[in-house]
Amino acid sequence: MRRVGWLICTVWMAGGPAAAQDLPGDPAAGASLAREVCAECHVVAEDQLIDPGAGPSFFEVVEHPATTELSLRAFLQTPHATMPNLMLTPEETDDIIAYLLKLKGE
């Protein structure tokens, strides 16, 4: 019985806030990169004064229920006709994803 209790506790803890901290990337670096690269077309921060209107705001993106680490990674690694062909390094991709998930509250 103790083993079952330990297993349940372990699984429960793995799904909690500690799991979110295991995500790769640095949200602060992602925020900086978003201001530098993405703000030309998207609202990337609450204090951004100008809405370029070319793409959805990052806040709209993170409100969508399908926005996950995996969906963001797939999106950022797939060319899109309406977006410039950004060549992000794996670290930059991780940072942007970490920033977006922080905005989402994950």
PDB file of N, CA and C in Angstrom:
ATOM      1  N   MET A   1       0.825  -1.196   0.000  1.00  0.00           N
ATOM      2  CA  MET A   1       0.000   0.000   0.000  1.00  0.00           C
ATOM      3  C   MET A   1       0.877   1.271   0.000  1.00  0.00           C
ATOM      4  N   ARG A   2       1.995   1.194   0.720  1.00  0.00           N
ATOM      5  CA  ARG A   2       2.899   2.343   0.756  1.00  0.00           C
ATOM      6  C   ARG A   2       3.445   2.654  -0.631  1.00  0.00           C
ATOM      7  N   ARG A   3       3.754   1.613  -1.388  1.00  0.00           N
ATOM      8  CA  ARG A   3       4.282   1.819  -2.732  1.00  0.00           C
ATOM      9  C   ARG A   3       3.281   2.540  -3.615  1.00  0.00           C
ATOM     10  N   VAL A   4       2.008   2.180  -3.496  1.00  0.00           N
ATOM     11  CA  VAL A   4       0.971   2.831  -4.301  1.00  0.00           C
ATOM     12  C   VAL A   4       0.886   4.307  -3.922  1.00  0.00           C
ATOM     13  N   GLY A   5       0.923   4.600  -2.636  1.00  0.00           N
ATOM     14  CA  GLY A   5       0.882   5.991  -2.181  1.00  0.00           C
ATOM     15  C   GLY A   5       2.084   6.777  -2.672  1.00  0.00           C
ATOM     16  N   TRP A   6       3.262   6.160  -2.623  1.00  0.00           N
ATOM     17  CA  TRP A   6       4.479   6.812  -3.102  1.00  0.00           C
ATOM     18  C   TRP A   6       4.388   7.074  -4.598  1.00  0.00           C
ATOM     19  N   LEU A   7       3.889   6.085  -5.354  1.00  0.00           N
ATOM     20  CA  LEU A   7       3.756   6.230  -6.797  1.00  0.00           C
ATOM     21  C   LEU A   7       2.787   7.359  -7.144  1.00  0.00           C
ATOM     22  N   ILE A   8       1.646   7.400  -6.465  1.00  0.00           N
ATOM     23  CA  ILE A   8       0.664   8.466  -6.718  1.00  0.00           C
ATOM     24  C   ILE A   8       1.269   9.826  -6.406  1.00  0.00           C
ATOM     25  N   CYS A   9       1.972   9.927  -5.313  1.00  0.00           N
ATOM     26  CA  CYS A   9       2.598  11.199  -4.928  1.00  0.00           C
ATOM     27  C   CYS A   9       3.652  11.604  -5.961  1.00  0.00           C
ATOM     28  N   THR A  10       4.443  10.658  -6.428  1.00  0.00           N
ATOM     29  CA  THR A  10       5.478  10.950  -7.413  1.00  0.00           C
ATOM     30  C   THR A  10       4.865  11.434  -8.722  1.00  0.00           C
ATOM     31  N   VAL A  11       3.832  10.757  -9.196  1.00  0.00           N
ATOM     32  CA  VAL A  11       3.169  11.147 -10.442  1.00  0.00           C
ATOM     33  C   VAL A  11       2.532  12.514 -10.278  1.00  0.00           C
ATOM     34  N   TRP A  12       1.901  12.770  -9.148  1.00  0.00           N
ATOM     35  CA  TRP A  12       1.250  14.056  -8.902  1.00  0.00           C
ATOM     36  C   TRP A  12       2.279  15.185  -8.891  1.00  0.00           C
ATOM     37  N   MET A  13       3.403  14.964  -8.229  1.00  0.00           N
ATOM     38  CA  MET A  13       4.445  15.986  -8.158  1.00  0.00           C
ATOM     39  C   MET A  13       5.056  16.242  -9.535  1.00  0.00           C
ATOM     40  N   ALA A  14       5.196  15.220 -10.349  1.00  0.00           N
ATOM     41  CA  ALA A  14       5.785  15.378 -11.683  1.00  0.00           C
ATOM     42  C   ALA A  14       4.917  16.238 -12.577  1.00  0.00           C
ATOM     43  N   GLY A  15       3.628  16.255 -12.344  1.00  0.00           N
ATOM     44  CA  GLY A  15       2.724  17.041 -13.174  1.00  0.00           C
ATOM     45  C   GLY A  15       2.522  18.450 -12.663  1.00  0.00           C
ATOM     46  N   GLY A  16       3.117  18.802 -11.543  1.00  0.00           N
ATOM     47  CA  GLY A  16       2.914  20.113 -10.934  1.00  0.00           C
ATOM     48  C   GLY A  16       3.882  21.148 -11.453  1.00  0.00           C
ATOM     49  N   PRO A  17       4.039  22.236 -10.716  1.00  0.00           N
ATOM     50  CA  PRO A  17       4.890  23.336 -11.147  1.00  0.00           C
ATOM     51  C   PRO A  17       6.335  22.947 -11.436  1.00  0.00           C
ATOM     52  N   ALA A  18       6.842  21.937 -10.759  1.00  0.00           N
ATOM     53  CA  ALA A  18       8.227  21.541 -10.999  1.00  0.00           C
ATOM     54  C   ALA A  18       8.424  21.094 -12.441  1.00  0.00           C
ATOM     55  N   ALA A  19       7.411  20.465 -13.026  1.00  0.00           N
ATOM     56  CA  ALA A  19       7.532  20.001 -14.401  1.00  0.00           C
ATOM     57  C   ALA A  19       7.686  21.180 -15.361  1.00  0.00           C
ATOM     58  N   ALA A  20       6.992  22.284 -15.096  1.00  0.00           N
ATOM     59  CA  ALA A  20       7.077  23.455 -15.962  1.00  0.00           C
ATOM     60  C   ALA A  20       8.481  24.054 -15.923  1.00  0.00           C
ATOM     61  N   GLN A  21       9.149  23.940 -14.791  1.00  0.00           N
ATOM     62  CA  GLN A  21      10.493  24.496 -14.674  1.00  0.00           C
ATOM     63  C   GLN A  21      11.502  23.696 -15.485  1.00  0.00           C
ATOM     64  N   ASP A  22      11.152  22.478 -15.872  1.00  0.00           N
ATOM     65  CA  ASP A  22      12.061  21.643 -16.644  1.00  0.00           C
ATOM     66  C   ASP A  22      12.060  21.995 -18.128  1.00  0.00           C
ATOM     67  N   LEU A  23      11.188  22.892 -18.555  1.00  0.00           N
ATOM     68  CA  LEU A  23      11.148  23.269 -19.956  1.00  0.00           C
ATOM     69  C   LEU A  23      12.451  23.954 -20.336  1.00  0.00           C
ATOM     70  N   PRO A  24      12.931  23.664 -21.536  1.00  0.00           N
ATOM     71  CA  PRO A  24      14.149  24.344 -21.978  1.00  0.00           C
ATOM     72  C   PRO A  24      13.866  25.811 -22.266  1.00  0.00           C
ATOM     73  N   GLY A  25      14.899  26.600 -22.261  1.00  0.00           N
ATOM     74  CA  GLY A  25      14.763  27.997 -22.658  1.00  0.00           C
ATOM     75  C   GLY A  25      14.720  28.951 -21.489  1.00  0.00           C
ATOM     76  N   ASP A  26      15.012  30.190 -21.818  1.00  0.00           N
ATOM     77  CA  ASP A  26      15.055  31.279 -20.846  1.00  0.00           C
ATOM     78  C   ASP A  26      13.995  32.303 -21.242  1.00  0.00           C
ATOM     79  N   PRO A  27      12.926  32.443 -20.451  1.00  0.00           N
ATOM     80  CA  PRO A  27      11.859  33.386 -20.808  1.00  0.00           C
ATOM     81  C   PRO A  27      12.341  34.827 -20.964  1.00  0.00           C
ATOM     82  N   ALA A  28      13.301  35.248 -20.151  1.00  0.00           N
ATOM     83  CA  ALA A  28      13.815  36.623 -20.252  1.00  0.00           C
ATOM     84  C   ALA A  28      14.548  36.823 -21.583  1.00  0.00           C
ATOM     85  N   ALA A  29      15.348  35.842 -21.974  1.00  0.00           N
ATOM     86  CA  ALA A  29      16.027  35.926 -23.268  1.00  0.00           C
ATOM     87  C   ALA A  29      15.005  35.875 -24.395  1.00  0.00           C
ATOM     88  N   GLY A  30      13.946  35.078 -24.225  1.00  0.00           N
ATOM     89  CA  GLY A  30      12.881  35.008 -25.226  1.00  0.00           C
ATOM     90  C   GLY A  30      12.147  36.328 -25.363  1.00  0.00           C
ATOM     91  N   ALA A  31      11.906  37.011 -24.246  1.00  0.00           N
ATOM     92  CA  ALA A  31      11.244  38.312 -24.282  1.00  0.00           C
ATOM     93  C   ALA A  31      12.105  39.321 -25.029  1.00  0.00           C
ATOM     94  N   SER A  32      13.398  39.304 -24.756  1.00  0.00           N
ATOM     95  CA  SER A  32      14.318  40.211 -25.430  1.00  0.00           C
ATOM     96  C   SER A  32      14.368  39.927 -26.933  1.00  0.00           C
ATOM     97  N   LEU A  33      14.445  38.662 -27.289  1.00  0.00           N
ATOM     98  CA  LEU A  33      14.473  38.274 -28.697  1.00  0.00           C
ATOM     99  C   LEU A  33      13.158  38.633 -29.389  1.00  0.00           C
ATOM    100  N   ALA A  34      12.045  38.437 -28.706  1.00  0.00           N
ATOM    101  CA  ALA A  34      10.739  38.774 -29.282  1.00  0.00           C
ATOM    102  C   ALA A  34      10.649  40.269 -29.570  1.00  0.00           C
ATOM    103  N   ARG A  35      11.144  41.089 -28.660  1.00  0.00           N
ATOM    104  CA  ARG A  35      11.140  42.542 -28.887  1.00  0.00           C
ATOM    105  C   ARG A  35      12.018  42.914 -30.083  1.00  0.00           C
ATOM    106  N   GLU A  36      13.126  42.194 -30.218  1.00  0.00           N
ATOM    107  CA  GLU A  36      14.085  42.492 -31.279  1.00  0.00           C
ATOM    108  C   GLU A  36      13.621  41.990 -32.651  1.00  0.00           C
ATOM    109  N   VAL A  37      13.039  40.794 -32.697  1.00  0.00           N
ATOM    110  CA  VAL A  37      12.755  40.139 -33.970  1.00  0.00           C
ATOM    111  C   VAL A  37      11.262  40.109 -34.315  1.00  0.00           C
ATOM    112  N   CYS A  38      10.417  39.884 -33.331  1.00  0.00           N
ATOM    113  CA  CYS A  38       8.995  39.626 -33.601  1.00  0.00           C
ATOM    114  C   CYS A  38       8.112  40.865 -33.523  1.00  0.00           C
ATOM    115  N   ALA A  39       8.545  41.893 -32.775  1.00  0.00           N
ATOM    116  CA  ALA A  39       7.701  43.064 -32.533  1.00  0.00           C
ATOM    117  C   ALA A  39       7.439  43.885 -33.792  1.00  0.00           C
ATOM    118  N   GLU A  40       8.194  43.632 -34.849  1.00  0.00           N
ATOM    119  CA  GLU A  40       7.954  44.322 -36.107  1.00  0.00           C
ATOM    120  C   GLU A  40       6.574  43.974 -36.675  1.00  0.00           C
ATOM    121  N   CYS A  41       6.098  42.757 -36.346  1.00  0.00           N
ATOM    122  CA  CYS A  41       4.808  42.300 -36.882  1.00  0.00           C
ATOM    123  C   CYS A  41       3.785  41.939 -35.803  1.00  0.00           C
ATOM    124  N   HIS A  42       4.236  41.692 -34.569  1.00  0.00           N
ATOM    125  CA  HIS A  42       3.359  41.218 -33.494  1.00  0.00           C
ATOM    126  C   HIS A  42       3.475  42.103 -32.260  1.00  0.00           C
ATOM    127  N   VAL A  43       2.402  42.182 -31.487  1.00  0.00           N
ATOM    128  CA  VAL A  43       2.503  42.735 -30.148  1.00  0.00           C
ATOM    129  C   VAL A  43       3.084  41.616 -29.299  1.00  0.00           C
ATOM    130  N   VAL A  44       4.229  41.874 -28.682  1.00  0.00           N
ATOM    131  CA  VAL A  44       4.924  40.831 -27.941  1.00  0.00           C
ATOM    132  C   VAL A  44       4.955  41.076 -26.432  1.00  0.00           C
ATOM    133  N   ALA A  45       4.576  42.290 -26.005  1.00  0.00           N
ATOM    134  CA  ALA A  45       4.622  42.629 -24.587  1.00  0.00           C
ATOM    135  C   ALA A  45       3.528  43.640 -24.266  1.00  0.00           C
ATOM    136  N   GLU A  46       3.098  43.634 -23.022  1.00  0.00           N
ATOM    137  CA  GLU A  46       2.020  44.539 -22.616  1.00  0.00           C
ATOM    138  C   GLU A  46       2.402  46.001 -22.755  1.00  0.00           C
ATOM    139  N   ASP A  47       3.689  46.315 -22.625  1.00  0.00           N
ATOM    140  CA  ASP A  47       4.114  47.713 -22.695  1.00  0.00           C
ATOM    141  C   ASP A  47       4.488  48.157 -24.108  1.00  0.00           C
ATOM    142  N   GLN A  48       4.229  47.320 -25.100  1.00  0.00           N
ATOM    143  CA  GLN A  48       4.519  47.696 -26.491  1.00  0.00           C
ATOM    144  C   GLN A  48       3.516  48.763 -26.922  1.00  0.00           C
ATOM    145  N   LEU A  49       4.017  49.890 -27.348  1.00  0.00           N
ATOM    146  CA  LEU A  49       3.164  51.042 -27.632  1.00  0.00           C
ATOM    147  C   LEU A  49       2.477  50.984 -28.995  1.00  0.00           C
ATOM    148  N   ILE A  50       3.085  50.329 -29.953  1.00  0.00           N
ATOM    149  CA  ILE A  50       2.528  50.303 -31.308  1.00  0.00           C
ATOM    150  C   ILE A  50       2.132  48.886 -31.674  1.00  0.00           C
ATOM    151  N   ASP A  51       0.906  48.718 -32.166  1.00  0.00           N
ATOM    152  CA  ASP A  51       0.443  47.428 -32.665  1.00  0.00           C
ATOM    153  C   ASP A  51       0.665  47.420 -34.170  1.00  0.00           C
ATOM    154  N   PRO A  52       1.654  46.664 -34.651  1.00  0.00           N
ATOM    155  CA  PRO A  52       1.932  46.655 -36.087  1.00  0.00           C
ATOM    156  C   PRO A  52       0.810  46.029 -36.901  1.00  0.00           C
ATOM    157  N   GLY A  53      -0.009  45.203 -36.274  1.00  0.00           N
ATOM    158  CA  GLY A  53      -1.179  44.645 -36.939  1.00  0.00           C
ATOM    159  C   GLY A  53      -0.906  43.652 -38.046  1.00  0.00           C
ATOM    160  N   ALA A  54       0.325  43.240 -38.243  1.00  0.00           N
ATOM    161  CA  ALA A  54       0.644  42.300 -39.320  1.00  0.00           C
ATOM    162  C   ALA A  54       0.379  40.860 -38.924  1.00  0.00           C
ATOM    163  N   GLY A  55       0.431  40.568 -37.657  1.00  0.00           N
ATOM    164  CA  GLY A  55       0.205  39.208 -37.169  1.00  0.00           C
ATOM    165  C   GLY A  55      -0.507  39.251 -35.832  1.00  0.00           C
ATOM    166  N   PRO A  56      -0.965  38.115 -35.363  1.00  0.00           N
ATOM    167  CA  PRO A  56      -1.659  38.105 -34.069  1.00  0.00           C
ATOM    168  C   PRO A  56      -0.709  38.484 -32.942  1.00  0.00           C
ATOM    169  N   SER A  57      -1.254  39.080 -31.908  1.00  0.00           N
ATOM    170  CA  SER A  57      -0.422  39.397 -30.749  1.00  0.00           C
ATOM    171  C   SER A  57      -0.023  38.090 -30.070  1.00  0.00           C
ATOM    172  N   PHE A  58       1.071  38.129 -29.356  1.00  0.00           N
ATOM    173  CA  PHE A  58       1.499  36.947 -28.615  1.00  0.00           C
ATOM    174  C   PHE A  58       0.429  36.562 -27.591  1.00  0.00           C
ATOM    175  N   PHE A  59      -0.329  37.540 -27.118  1.00  0.00           N
ATOM    176  CA  PHE A  59      -1.374  37.265 -26.129  1.00  0.00           C
ATOM    177  C   PHE A  59      -2.524  36.487 -26.758  1.00  0.00           C
ATOM    178  N   GLU A  60      -2.845  36.777 -28.019  1.00  0.00           N
ATOM    179  CA  GLU A  60      -3.846  35.995 -28.739  1.00  0.00           C
ATOM    180  C   GLU A  60      -3.347  34.570 -28.961  1.00  0.00           C
ATOM    181  N   VAL A  61      -2.086  34.435 -29.294  1.00  0.00           N
ATOM    182  CA  VAL A  61      -1.502  33.116 -29.547  1.00  0.00           C
ATOM    183  C   VAL A  61      -1.590  32.247 -28.292  1.00  0.00           C
ATOM    184  N   VAL A  62      -1.206  32.796 -27.156  1.00  0.00           N
ATOM    185  CA  VAL A  62      -1.176  31.972 -25.937  1.00  0.00           C
ATOM    186  C   VAL A  62      -2.567  31.700 -25.371  1.00  0.00           C
ATOM    187  N   GLU A  63      -3.569  32.488 -25.761  1.00  0.00           N
ATOM    188  CA  GLU A  63      -4.934  32.224 -25.302  1.00  0.00           C
ATOM    189  C   GLU A  63      -5.540  30.989 -25.965  1.00  0.00           C
ATOM    190  N   HIS A  64      -5.013  30.609 -27.115  1.00  0.00           N
ATOM    191  CA  HIS A  64      -5.568  29.471 -27.842  1.00  0.00           C
ATOM    192  C   HIS A  64      -5.285  28.183 -27.067  1.00  0.00           C
ATOM    193  N   PRO A  65      -6.312  27.354 -26.855  1.00  0.00           N
ATOM    194  CA  PRO A  65      -6.111  26.127 -26.073  1.00  0.00           C
ATOM    195  C   PRO A  65      -5.095  25.157 -26.680  1.00  0.00           C
ATOM    196  N   ALA A  66      -4.892  25.212 -27.985  1.00  0.00           N
ATOM    197  CA  ALA A  66      -3.956  24.291 -28.639  1.00  0.00           C
ATOM    198  C   ALA A  66      -2.502  24.743 -28.523  1.00  0.00           C
ATOM    199  N   THR A  67      -2.258  25.899 -27.911  1.00  0.00           N
ATOM    200  CA  THR A  67      -0.896  26.391 -27.775  1.00  0.00           C
ATOM    201  C   THR A  67      -0.178  25.620 -26.675  1.00  0.00           C
ATOM    202  N   THR A  68       0.788  24.820 -27.100  1.00  0.00           N
ATOM    203  CA  THR A  68       1.610  24.020 -26.192  1.00  0.00           C
ATOM    204  C   THR A  68       3.065  24.158 -26.627  1.00  0.00           C
ATOM    205  N   GLU A  69       3.953  23.611 -25.839  1.00  0.00           N
ATOM    206  CA  GLU A  69       5.363  23.626 -26.242  1.00  0.00           C
ATOM    207  C   GLU A  69       5.521  22.950 -27.604  1.00  0.00           C
ATOM    208  N   LEU A  70       4.882  21.812 -27.773  1.00  0.00           N
ATOM    209  CA  LEU A  70       5.016  21.069 -29.025  1.00  0.00           C
ATOM    210  C   LEU A  70       4.433  21.833 -30.210  1.00  0.00           C
ATOM    211  N   SER A  71       3.247  22.438 -30.045  1.00  0.00           N
ATOM    212  CA  SER A  71       2.639  23.162 -31.168  1.00  0.00           C
ATOM    213  C   SER A  71       3.456  24.395 -31.531  1.00  0.00           C
ATOM    214  N   LEU A  72       4.011  25.073 -30.532  1.00  0.00           N
ATOM    215  CA  LEU A  72       4.856  26.237 -30.807  1.00  0.00           C
ATOM    216  C   LEU A  72       6.138  25.826 -31.527  1.00  0.00           C
ATOM    217  N   ARG A  73       6.726  24.728 -31.088  1.00  0.00           N
ATOM    218  CA  ARG A  73       7.955  24.244 -31.717  1.00  0.00           C
ATOM    219  C   ARG A  73       7.694  23.886 -33.183  1.00  0.00           C
ATOM    220  N   ALA A  74       6.596  23.185 -33.440  1.00  0.00           N
ATOM    221  CA  ALA A  74       6.248  22.814 -34.818  1.00  0.00           C
ATOM    222  C   ALA A  74       6.015  24.067 -35.660  1.00  0.00           C
ATOM    223  N   PHE A  75       5.295  25.041 -35.103  1.00  0.00           N
ATOM    224  CA  PHE A  75       5.011  26.267 -35.836  1.00  0.00           C
ATOM    225  C   PHE A  75       6.294  27.021 -36.182  1.00  0.00           C
ATOM    226  N   LEU A  76       7.177  27.158 -35.209  1.00  0.00           N
ATOM    227  CA  LEU A  76       8.403  27.930 -35.425  1.00  0.00           C
ATOM    228  C   LEU A  76       9.386  27.242 -36.362  1.00  0.00           C
ATOM    229  N   GLN A  77       9.233  25.959 -36.562  1.00  0.00           N
ATOM    230  CA  GLN A  77      10.148  25.236 -37.441  1.00  0.00           C
ATOM    231  C   GLN A  77       9.552  24.976 -38.823  1.00  0.00           C
ATOM    232  N   THR A  78       8.370  25.519 -39.079  1.00  0.00           N
ATOM    233  CA  THR A  78       7.693  25.316 -40.356  1.00  0.00           C
ATOM    234  C   THR A  78       7.579  26.653 -41.079  1.00  0.00           C
ATOM    235  N   PRO A  79       7.990  26.744 -42.331  1.00  0.00           N
ATOM    236  CA  PRO A  79       7.847  28.008 -43.078  1.00  0.00           C
ATOM    237  C   PRO A  79       6.366  28.360 -43.267  1.00  0.00           C
ATOM    238  N   HIS A  80       6.069  29.645 -43.207  1.00  0.00           N
ATOM    239  CA  HIS A  80       4.710  30.143 -43.413  1.00  0.00           C
ATOM    240  C   HIS A  80       4.764  31.288 -44.417  1.00  0.00           C
ATOM    241  N   ALA A  81       3.838  31.284 -45.342  1.00  0.00           N
ATOM    242  CA  ALA A  81       3.832  32.292 -46.411  1.00  0.00           C
ATOM    243  C   ALA A  81       3.714  33.708 -45.867  1.00  0.00           C
ATOM    244  N   THR A  82       3.007  33.885 -44.761  1.00  0.00           N
ATOM    245  CA  THR A  82       2.773  35.233 -44.239  1.00  0.00           C
ATOM    246  C   THR A  82       3.857  35.693 -43.263  1.00  0.00           C
ATOM    247  N   MET A  83       4.819  34.828 -42.973  1.00  0.00           N
ATOM    248  CA  MET A  83       5.887  35.196 -42.051  1.00  0.00           C
ATOM    249  C   MET A  83       7.234  35.166 -42.758  1.00  0.00           C
ATOM    250  N   PRO A  84       8.161  36.015 -42.313  1.00  0.00           N
ATOM    251  CA  PRO A  84       9.512  35.914 -42.872  1.00  0.00           C
ATOM    252  C   PRO A  84      10.118  34.568 -42.469  1.00  0.00           C
ATOM    253  N   ASN A  85      11.035  34.091 -43.253  1.00  0.00           N
ATOM    254  CA  ASN A  85      11.678  32.816 -42.959  1.00  0.00           C
ATOM    255  C   ASN A  85      12.751  33.032 -41.897  1.00  0.00           C
ATOM    256  N   LEU A  86      12.326  33.009 -40.641  1.00  0.00           N
ATOM    257  CA  LEU A  86      13.257  33.217 -39.538  1.00  0.00           C
ATOM    258  C   LEU A  86      14.124  31.985 -39.353  1.00  0.00           C
ATOM    259  N   MET A  87      15.373  32.202 -39.189  1.00  0.00           N
ATOM    260  CA  MET A  87      16.309  31.109 -38.949  1.00  0.00           C
ATOM    261  C   MET A  87      16.761  31.194 -37.490  1.00  0.00           C
ATOM    262  N   LEU A  88      15.920  30.701 -36.595  1.00  0.00           N
ATOM    263  CA  LEU A  88      16.240  30.725 -35.177  1.00  0.00           C
ATOM    264  C   LEU A  88      17.133  29.548 -34.830  1.00  0.00           C
ATOM    265  N   THR A  89      18.078  29.780 -33.952  1.00  0.00           N
ATOM    266  CA  THR A  89      18.889  28.672 -33.442  1.00  0.00           C
ATOM    267  C   THR A  89      18.005  27.838 -32.515  1.00  0.00           C
ATOM    268  N   PRO A  90      18.408  26.622 -32.209  1.00  0.00           N
ATOM    269  CA  PRO A  90      17.629  25.831 -31.251  1.00  0.00           C
ATOM    270  C   PRO A  90      17.471  26.551 -29.911  1.00  0.00           C
ATOM    271  N   GLU A  91      18.514  27.235 -29.463  1.00  0.00           N
ATOM    272  CA  GLU A  91      18.432  27.973 -28.191  1.00  0.00           C
ATOM    273  C   GLU A  91      17.429  29.127 -28.288  1.00  0.00           C
ATOM    274  N   GLU A  92      17.444  29.862 -29.386  1.00  0.00           N
ATOM    275  CA  GLU A  92      16.492  30.956 -29.573  1.00  0.00           C
ATOM    276  C   GLU A  92      15.055  30.429 -29.633  1.00  0.00           C
ATOM    277  N   THR A  93      14.863  29.299 -30.304  1.00  0.00           N
ATOM    278  CA  THR A  93      13.542  28.684 -30.358  1.00  0.00           C
ATOM    279  C   THR A  93      13.071  28.327 -28.952  1.00  0.00           C
ATOM    280  N   ASP A  94      13.947  27.710 -28.166  1.00  0.00           N
ATOM    281  CA  ASP A  94      13.607  27.368 -26.785  1.00  0.00           C
ATOM    282  C   ASP A  94      13.260  28.612 -25.975  1.00  0.00           C
ATOM    283  N   ASP A  95      14.022  29.696 -26.179  1.00  0.00           N
ATOM    284  CA  ASP A  95      13.790  30.930 -25.430  1.00  0.00           C
ATOM    285  C   ASP A  95      12.443  31.555 -25.785  1.00  0.00           C
ATOM    286  N   ILE A  96      12.110  31.608 -27.071  1.00  0.00           N
ATOM    287  CA  ILE A  96      10.824  32.168 -27.499  1.00  0.00           C
ATOM    288  C   ILE A  96       9.677  31.331 -26.936  1.00  0.00           C
ATOM    289  N   ILE A  97       9.827  30.014 -27.012  1.00  0.00           N
ATOM    290  CA  ILE A  97       8.784  29.124 -26.480  1.00  0.00           C
ATOM    291  C   ILE A  97       8.641  29.322 -24.978  1.00  0.00           C
ATOM    292  N   ALA A  98       9.747  29.420 -24.270  1.00  0.00           N
ATOM    293  CA  ALA A  98       9.692  29.647 -22.819  1.00  0.00           C
ATOM    294  C   ALA A  98       8.978  30.958 -22.511  1.00  0.00           C
ATOM    295  N   TYR A  99       9.244  31.991 -23.295  1.00  0.00           N
ATOM    296  CA  TYR A  99       8.577  33.283 -23.096  1.00  0.00           C
ATOM    297  C   TYR A  99       7.079  33.173 -23.352  1.00  0.00           C
ATOM    298  N   LEU A 100       6.705  32.543 -24.452  1.00  0.00           N
ATOM    299  CA  LEU A 100       5.286  32.392 -24.768  1.00  0.00           C
ATOM    300  C   LEU A 100       4.558  31.582 -23.704  1.00  0.00           C
ATOM    301  N   LEU A 101       5.173  30.515 -23.235  1.00  0.00           N
ATOM    302  CA  LEU A 101       4.530  29.695 -22.201  1.00  0.00           C
ATOM    303  C   LEU A 101       4.450  30.445 -20.873  1.00  0.00           C
ATOM    304  N   LYS A 102       5.410  31.329 -20.630  1.00  0.00           N
ATOM    305  CA  LYS A 102       5.328  32.166 -19.414  1.00  0.00           C
ATOM    306  C   LYS A 102       4.135  33.113 -19.538  1.00  0.00           C
ATOM    307  N   LEU A 103       3.941  33.697 -20.732  1.00  0.00           N
ATOM    308  CA  LEU A 103       2.772  34.558 -20.943  1.00  0.00           C
ATOM    309  C   LEU A 103       1.487  33.776 -20.740  1.00  0.00           C
ATOM    310  N   LYS A 104       1.504  32.524 -21.125  1.00  0.00           N
ATOM    311  CA  LYS A 104       0.327  31.668 -20.983  1.00  0.00           C
ATOM    312  C   LYS A 104       0.089  31.280 -19.531  1.00  0.00           C
ATOM    313  N   GLY A 105       1.127  31.391 -18.728  1.00  0.00           N
ATOM    314  CA  GLY A 105       1.002  31.053 -17.316  1.00  0.00           C
ATOM    315  C   GLY A 105       1.431  29.639 -17.004  1.00  0.00           C
ATOM    316  N   GLU A 106       2.194  29.035 -17.887  1.00  0.00           N
ATOM    317  CA  GLU A 106       2.677  27.667 -17.654  1.00  0.00           C
ATOM    318  C   GLU A 106       4.088  27.678 -17.152  1.00  0.00           C
TER     319      GLU A 106
END
